[in-house]
Amino acid sequence: MGINYKRKLFHASFGTFLLILSYYVDFKYFKLFLFFLFLGMCIFELLRLKLEKYLPMKFFWKPLLKADESKRLTDAWFYLLGINFSVFFVSTLGFRLILSVLSYADPVAAILGHHFGKTRPFGNKSIEGSFFFFLASLIIGLILLKSFSLKLIFFCLLASAIEFFTKRDNLWLPVGLTIFWKSFRVI
């Protein structure tokens, strides 16, 4: 199975858009924006699953779907659900870290894991891809937190484990990392 580079580029680009927006919009309005974005995505998913032939701009969104997403909720819906969970429970910095890990480390792991991954004990995810995920998460954490700590290492290890062992990592990464952030006060 090949990798959908358009999908990975959209994943990182949309995350970048949200990250930049989080710096320029008052955070309470940003939370509101994310909530309404999720509601809009719920409506879109409902229409896509029930009345797809009436939806416009198929040339834009259809190439971003996985083959098995034609009859189920998309990973984009789980992505928005996950970040909506995070934005309401962690600090602004915590949210930016979780969003960045989800938006950048996930595509890095998928692309590098696809090209360099040899060991795939569970389905399509490789140990090498998870290692790249860990490294990307650590770099992101160092850039955003501007410090190195044991908690950051555990944060990145947990993120890598969630990414490796779950199918819905777009949901479980934000949820798991939010719980870790709240429980262990990463900074």
Foldseek 3Di string as FASTA:
>chain_A
DDDLVVLLVVLLVVLVVLLVVLVVDPLVVSLVVLVVVLVVLVVVLVCQQPPVVPDPDCVPCVSNADPVPSNHRGLVNLLSVLLNVQSVQDDSLLSNLLSNLRRPLLSQLLVCCVVPFDAQPDPPHGPVSLVSSLVSSLVSCCVSVVDDDPLSSVLSVVLSVLSNPDPSSSNCSSVVSSVSCVVPVSD
